[in-house]
Amino acid sequence: MAWTWQTAAFFIFIACCLIAMTVWEKKKPGGSPRKGILGLDTTRGDRLFLSLLSAAYIHLGWLGLIGPMLWVATIISFFFAIFVFRYV
């Protein structure tokens, strides 16, 4: 794996997500499970995991079908993450 600034930005983003979730949990403890549109009980951490995993698949699908213009896939992933945190 080539260690480029993009790779570093990816790992920094993941670390920032984990830190933000920790701060959120400290400020508003509980994060009790809620039932979303799929009928699954999910917590904040579950929704973060689903968002990150979905973003990986969106980017891989974009690379395979469209090409290397990944900023569009990033925007799609961002809006999908908002959808996941809001409705799933």
Protein backbone atom coordinates (compact mmCIF):
# COMPACT_ATOMS: atom_id res chain seq x y z
CA MET A 1 0.00 0.00 0.00
CA ALA A 2 1.40 3.36 -0.98
CA TRP A 3 1.53 5.82 1.91
CA THR A 4 0.39 9.05 0.36
CA TRP A 5 -1.29 12.11 1.85
CA GLN A 6 -4.64 10.62 0.83
CA THR A 7 -3.91 7.49 2.86
CA ALA A 8 -2.92 9.61 5.85
CA ALA A 9 -6.08 11.71 5.45
CA PHE A 10 -8.17 8.52 5.45
CA PHE A 11 -6.71 7.28 8.73
CA ILE A 12 -6.93 10.73 10.29
CA PHE A 13 -10.62 10.87 9.28
CA ILE A 14 -11.29 7.48 10.91
CA ALA A 15 -9.50 8.63 14.09
CA CYS A 16 -11.53 11.87 14.11
CA CYS A 17 -14.76 9.88 13.74
CA LEU A 18 -13.85 7.71 16.72
CA ILE A 19 -12.88 10.75 18.81
CA ALA A 20 -16.12 12.53 17.87
CA MET A 21 -18.16 9.47 18.84
CA THR A 22 -16.32 9.28 22.18
CA VAL A 23 -16.99 12.96 22.91
CA TRP A 24 -20.64 12.53 21.87
CA GLU A 25 -21.00 9.57 24.23
CA LYS A 26 -19.41 11.50 27.10
CA LYS A 27 -21.66 14.55 26.56
CA LYS A 28 -24.87 12.59 25.98
CA PRO A 29 -24.45 9.10 27.41
CA GLY A 30 -26.62 6.21 26.47
CA GLY A 31 -27.09 6.25 22.77
CA SER A 32 -29.83 3.72 23.36
CA PRO A 33 -30.65 1.47 20.43
CA ARG A 34 -33.41 2.58 18.11
CA LYS A 35 -35.32 0.72 15.46
CA GLY A 36 -34.75 2.09 11.97
CA ILE A 37 -36.39 1.56 8.60
CA LEU A 38 -34.77 -1.85 8.23
CA GLY A 39 -36.22 -3.04 11.54
CA LEU A 40 -32.78 -3.41 13.11
CA ASP A 41 -31.90 -2.07 16.54
CA THR A 42 -28.82 0.10 16.02
CA THR A 43 -26.71 2.29 18.29
CA ARG A 44 -24.56 5.26 17.28
CA GLY A 45 -21.53 3.02 16.90
CA ASP A 46 -23.44 0.60 14.69
CA ARG A 47 -24.57 3.46 12.47
CA LEU A 48 -20.99 4.79 12.23
CA PHE A 49 -19.75 1.34 11.25
CA LEU A 50 -22.50 0.97 8.63
CA SER A 51 -21.67 4.42 7.25
CA LEU A 52 -17.95 3.70 6.95
CA LEU A 53 -18.48 0.27 5.45
CA SER A 54 -21.01 1.64 2.98
CA ALA A 55 -18.63 4.43 2.02
CA ALA A 56 -15.98 1.83 1.19
CA TYR A 57 -18.41 -0.05 -1.05
CA ILE A 58 -19.64 3.14 -2.69
CA HIS A 59 -16.05 4.13 -3.50
CA LEU A 60 -15.16 0.66 -4.81
CA GLY A 61 -18.29 0.55 -6.94
CA TRP A 62 -17.57 4.04 -8.25
CA LEU A 63 -14.01 3.05 -9.18
CA GLY A 64 -15.24 -0.07 -10.95
CA LEU A 65 -18.12 1.54 -12.85
CA ILE A 66 -17.17 5.17 -13.40
CA GLY A 67 -13.47 5.73 -12.84
CA PRO A 68 -11.04 7.66 -10.68
CA MET A 69 -13.16 10.79 -10.09
CA LEU A 70 -13.66 9.91 -6.41
CA TRP A 71 -14.78 13.27 -5.09
CA VAL A 72 -18.29 12.51 -6.39
CA ALA A 73 -18.27 9.16 -4.56
CA THR A 74 -17.18 10.99 -1.42
CA ILE A 75 -20.13 13.37 -1.67
CA ILE A 76 -22.51 10.44 -2.22
CA SER A 77 -20.97 8.66 0.79
CA PHE A 78 -21.38 11.76 2.95
CA PHE A 79 -25.08 12.08 2.14
CA PHE A 80 -25.56 8.34 2.62
CA ALA A 81 -23.95 8.61 6.08
CA ILE A 82 -26.41 11.39 6.96
CA PHE A 83 -29.24 9.12 5.81
CA VAL A 84 -27.91 6.22 7.90
CA PHE A 85 -27.58 8.31 11.06
CA ARG A 86 -31.02 9.84 10.56
CA TYR A 87 -33.15 6.88 9.47
CA VAL A 88 -31.39 3.55 10.09
